[in-house]
């Protein structure tokens, strides 16, 4: 395959979006689903973060397919579970880095500074 064909195939197969606020990633994922560039369901997400972002947003689950209501209620810690509930994500690969050494925890806290790869099978 020539270099030109290789570059053409990559740009036609997927897009890369880099966002600051984690929940903004979901807007691009929904856009890619809507344009049929990625499939609607059974997606695997690779999540690079020291936090899981698996909190639940404060809104009615019946509104899951209303993009306006959904996006208005998302924040950086709660954007993954709505996509699981909607049937988009079925696997989560969480790449958790070590926390910086300047972050100190109380001895009795539930916090951990272990780095690693965590794979979670997601189900509704």
C-alpha atoms as a PDB file:
ATOM      1  CA  UNK A   1       0.000   0.000   0.000  1.00  0.00           C
ATOM      2  CA  UNK A   2       1.393   3.381  -0.939  1.00  0.00           C
ATOM      3  CA  UNK A   3       1.869   6.119   1.652  1.00  0.00           C
ATOM      4  CA  UNK A   4      -0.859   8.174  -0.029  1.00  0.00           C
ATOM      5  CA  UNK A   5      -3.385   5.289   0.144  1.00  0.00           C
ATOM      6  CA  UNK A   6      -2.429   4.543   3.745  1.00  0.00           C
ATOM      7  CA  UNK A   7      -3.050   8.155   4.809  1.00  0.00           C
ATOM      8  CA  UNK A   8      -6.316   8.229   2.890  1.00  0.00           C
ATOM      9  CA  UNK A   9      -7.550   5.033   4.575  1.00  0.00           C
ATOM     10  CA  UNK A  10      -6.742   6.301   8.049  1.00  0.00           C
ATOM     11  CA  UNK A  11      -8.581   9.580   7.593  1.00  0.00           C
ATOM     12  CA  UNK A  12     -11.598   7.796   6.118  1.00  0.00           C
ATOM     13  CA  UNK A  13     -11.861   5.219   8.922  1.00  0.00           C
ATOM     14  CA  UNK A  14     -11.840   7.300  12.073  1.00  0.00           C
ATOM     15  CA  UNK A  15     -11.400  10.739  13.539  1.00  0.00           C
ATOM     16  CA  UNK A  16      -9.410  11.704  16.606  1.00  0.00           C
ATOM     17  CA  UNK A  17     -10.815  14.370  18.913  1.00  0.00           C
ATOM     18  CA  UNK A  18      -8.887  15.747  21.873  1.00  0.00           C
ATOM     19  CA  UNK A  19     -10.967  17.489  24.526  1.00  0.00           C
ATOM     20  CA  UNK A  20     -10.163  19.219  27.793  1.00  0.00           C
ATOM     21  CA  UNK A  21     -13.437  18.529  29.605  1.00  0.00           C
ATOM     22  CA  UNK A  22     -14.008  14.783  29.532  1.00  0.00           C
ATOM     23  CA  UNK A  23     -17.754  15.020  28.976  1.00  0.00           C
ATOM     24  CA  UNK A  24     -17.161  16.894  25.703  1.00  0.00           C
ATOM     25  CA  UNK A  25     -15.892  13.610  24.253  1.00  0.00           C
ATOM     26  CA  UNK A  26     -19.449  12.254  24.265  1.00  0.00           C
ATOM     27  CA  UNK A  27     -20.591  14.952  21.832  1.00  0.00           C
ATOM     28  CA  UNK A  28     -18.011  13.763  19.301  1.00  0.00           C
ATOM     29  CA  UNK A  29     -18.880  10.119  19.913  1.00  0.00           C
ATOM     30  CA  UNK A  30     -22.569  10.871  19.275  1.00  0.00           C
ATOM     31  CA  UNK A  31     -21.654  12.817  16.141  1.00  0.00           C
ATOM     32  CA  UNK A  32     -19.633   9.850  14.848  1.00  0.00           C
ATOM     33  CA  UNK A  33     -22.548   7.500  15.633  1.00  0.00           C
ATOM     34  CA  UNK A  34     -25.015   9.856  13.922  1.00  0.00           C
ATOM     35  CA  UNK A  35     -22.944   9.990  10.743  1.00  0.00           C
ATOM     36  CA  UNK A  36     -22.511   6.187  10.897  1.00  0.00           C
ATOM     37  CA  UNK A  37     -18.715   6.489  11.048  1.00  0.00           C
ATOM     38  CA  UNK A  38     -18.838   4.241  14.126  1.00  0.00           C
ATOM     39  CA  UNK A  39     -21.469   1.704  15.107  1.00  0.00           C
ATOM     40  CA  UNK A  40     -24.329   2.505  17.486  1.00  0.00           C
ATOM     41  CA  UNK A  41     -23.679  -0.190  20.078  1.00  0.00           C
ATOM     42  CA  UNK A  42     -21.124  -2.622  21.465  1.00  0.00           C
ATOM     43  CA  UNK A  43     -18.342  -0.026  21.444  1.00  0.00           C
ATOM     44  CA  UNK A  44     -15.194  -0.300  23.519  1.00  0.00           C
ATOM     45  CA  UNK A  45     -13.957   2.865  25.186  1.00  0.00           C
ATOM     46  CA  UNK A  46     -10.321   3.351  26.152  1.00  0.00           C
ATOM     47  CA  UNK A  47     -10.299   5.875  28.991  1.00  0.00           C
ATOM     48  CA  UNK A  48      -7.016   7.536  30.066  1.00  0.00           C
ATOM     49  CA  UNK A  49      -7.616   9.129  33.463  1.00  0.00           C
ATOM     50  CA  UNK A  50      -6.759   8.865  37.136  1.00  0.00           C
ATOM     51  CA  UNK A  51     -10.506   8.923  37.912  1.00  0.00           C
ATOM     52  CA  UNK A  52     -13.099   6.519  36.470  1.00  0.00           C
ATOM     53  CA  UNK A  53     -15.716   9.177  35.487  1.00  0.00           C
ATOM     54  CA  UNK A  54     -18.445   6.631  36.260  1.00  0.00           C
ATOM     55  CA  UNK A  55     -20.716   8.761  38.466  1.00  0.00           C
ATOM     56  CA  UNK A  56     -24.383   9.064  37.543  1.00  0.00           C
ATOM     57  CA  UNK A  57     -25.772  12.400  36.290  1.00  0.00           C
ATOM     58  CA  UNK A  58     -28.767  13.910  38.037  1.00  0.00           C
ATOM     59  CA  UNK A  59     -31.474  13.565  35.393  1.00  0.00           C
ATOM     60  CA  UNK A  60     -34.333  11.283  34.415  1.00  0.00           C
ATOM     61  CA  UNK A  61     -33.204   8.101  32.638  1.00  0.00           C
ATOM     62  CA  UNK A  62     -36.116   8.500  30.204  1.00  0.00           C
ATOM     63  CA  UNK A  63     -34.306  11.552  28.818  1.00  0.00           C
ATOM     64  CA  UNK A  64     -31.234   9.534  27.808  1.00  0.00           C
ATOM     65  CA  UNK A  65     -31.956   9.960  24.091  1.00  0.00           C
ATOM     66  CA  UNK A  66     -32.616  13.702  24.324  1.00  0.00           C
ATOM     67  CA  UNK A  67     -29.173  15.051  23.456  1.00  0.00           C
ATOM     68  CA  UNK A  68     -29.948  18.549  24.735  1.00  0.00           C
ATOM     69  CA  UNK A  69     -31.100  17.328  28.165  1.00  0.00           C
ATOM     70  CA  UNK A  70     -28.278  14.809  28.333  1.00  0.00           C
ATOM     71  CA  UNK A  71     -25.479  17.226  27.463  1.00  0.00           C
ATOM     72  CA  UNK A  72     -26.914  19.898  29.806  1.00  0.00           C
ATOM     73  CA  UNK A  73     -26.601  17.460  32.723  1.00  0.00           C
ATOM     74  CA  UNK A  74     -23.184  15.996  32.034  1.00  0.00           C
ATOM     75  CA  UNK A  75     -19.935  16.943  33.692  1.00  0.00           C
ATOM     76  CA  UNK A  76     -16.437  15.520  33.752  1.00  0.00           C
ATOM     77  CA  UNK A  77     -17.217  12.839  36.332  1.00  0.00           C
ATOM     78  CA  UNK A  78     -20.476  11.404  34.942  1.00  0.00           C
ATOM     79  CA  UNK A  79     -20.387  11.143  31.152  1.00  0.00           C
ATOM     80  CA  UNK A  80     -19.661   7.424  30.632  1.00  0.00           C
ATOM     81  CA  UNK A  81     -22.642   5.753  32.371  1.00  0.00           C
ATOM     82  CA  UNK A  82     -25.306   7.474  30.228  1.00  0.00           C
ATOM     83  CA  UNK A  83     -23.630   6.068  27.103  1.00  0.00           C
ATOM     84  CA  UNK A  84     -23.598   2.616  28.715  1.00  0.00           C
ATOM     85  CA  UNK A  85     -27.291   2.939  29.578  1.00  0.00           C
ATOM     86  CA  UNK A  86     -28.060   4.062  26.013  1.00  0.00           C
ATOM     87  CA  UNK A  87     -26.387   0.890  24.742  1.00  0.00           C
ATOM     88  CA  UNK A  88     -23.341   2.471  23.113  1.00  0.00           C
ATOM     89  CA  UNK A  89     -20.478   1.178  25.285  1.00  0.00           C
ATOM     90  CA  UNK A  90     -20.133  -2.467  26.233  1.00  0.00           C
ATOM     91  CA  UNK A  91     -16.473  -2.471  27.280  1.00  0.00           C
ATOM     92  CA  UNK A  92     -14.339   0.001  29.193  1.00  0.00           C
ATOM     93  CA  UNK A  93     -10.567  -0.155  29.244  1.00  0.00           C
ATOM     94  CA  UNK A  94      -9.403   2.273  31.892  1.00  0.00           C
ATOM     95  CA  UNK A  95      -5.746   3.296  31.812  1.00  0.00           C
ATOM     96  CA  UNK A  96      -5.080   4.708  35.282  1.00  0.00           C
ATOM     97  CA  UNK A  97      -1.775   6.531  35.761  1.00  0.00           C
ATOM     98  CA  UNK A  98       0.012   6.898  39.065  1.00  0.00           C
ATOM     99  CA  UNK A  99      -1.013   9.979  40.944  1.00  0.00           C
ATOM    100  CA  UNK A 100       1.565  12.740  41.402  1.00  0.00           C
ATOM    101  CA  UNK A 101       3.693  12.389  44.521  1.00  0.00           C
ATOM    102  CA  UNK A 102       2.489  15.736  45.863  1.00  0.00           C
ATOM    103  CA  UNK A 103      -1.012  14.304  46.426  1.00  0.00           C
ATOM    104  CA  UNK A 104      -1.103  12.905  49.938  1.00  0.00           C
ATOM    105  CA  UNK A 105      -3.830  10.685  51.385  1.00  0.00           C
ATOM    106  CA  UNK A 106      -4.925  10.064  54.932  1.00  0.00           C
ATOM    107  CA  UNK A 107      -3.954   6.553  56.063  1.00  0.00           C
ATOM    108  CA  UNK A 108      -7.615   5.579  56.552  1.00  0.00           C
ATOM    109  CA  UNK A 109      -8.822   6.845  53.158  1.00  0.00           C
ATOM    110  CA  UNK A 110     -10.068   4.616  50.340  1.00  0.00           C
ATOM    111  CA  UNK A 111      -7.746   6.274  47.829  1.00  0.00           C
ATOM    112  CA  UNK A 112      -5.039   4.443  45.972  1.00  0.00           C
ATOM    113  CA  UNK A 113      -2.100   5.587  43.904  1.00  0.00           C
ATOM    114  CA  UNK A 114      -1.735   2.313  42.018  1.00  0.00           C
ATOM    115  CA  UNK A 115      -1.372   2.646  38.286  1.00  0.00           C
ATOM    116  CA  UNK A 116      -2.538   0.051  35.855  1.00  0.00           C
ATOM    117  CA  UNK A 117      -4.906  -1.243  33.255  1.00  0.00           C
ATOM    118  CA  UNK A 118      -8.439  -1.980  34.357  1.00  0.00           C
ATOM    119  CA  UNK A 119     -10.879  -3.646  31.965  1.00  0.00           C
ATOM    120  CA  UNK A 120     -14.555  -3.560  32.860  1.00  0.00           C
ATOM    121  CA  UNK A 121     -17.387  -5.384  31.090  1.00  0.00           C
ATOM    122  CA  UNK A 122     -20.272  -2.899  31.076  1.00  0.00           C
ATOM    123  CA  UNK A 123     -23.874  -3.994  31.310  1.00  0.00           C
ATOM    124  CA  UNK A 124     -27.109  -2.094  31.774  1.00  0.00           C
END
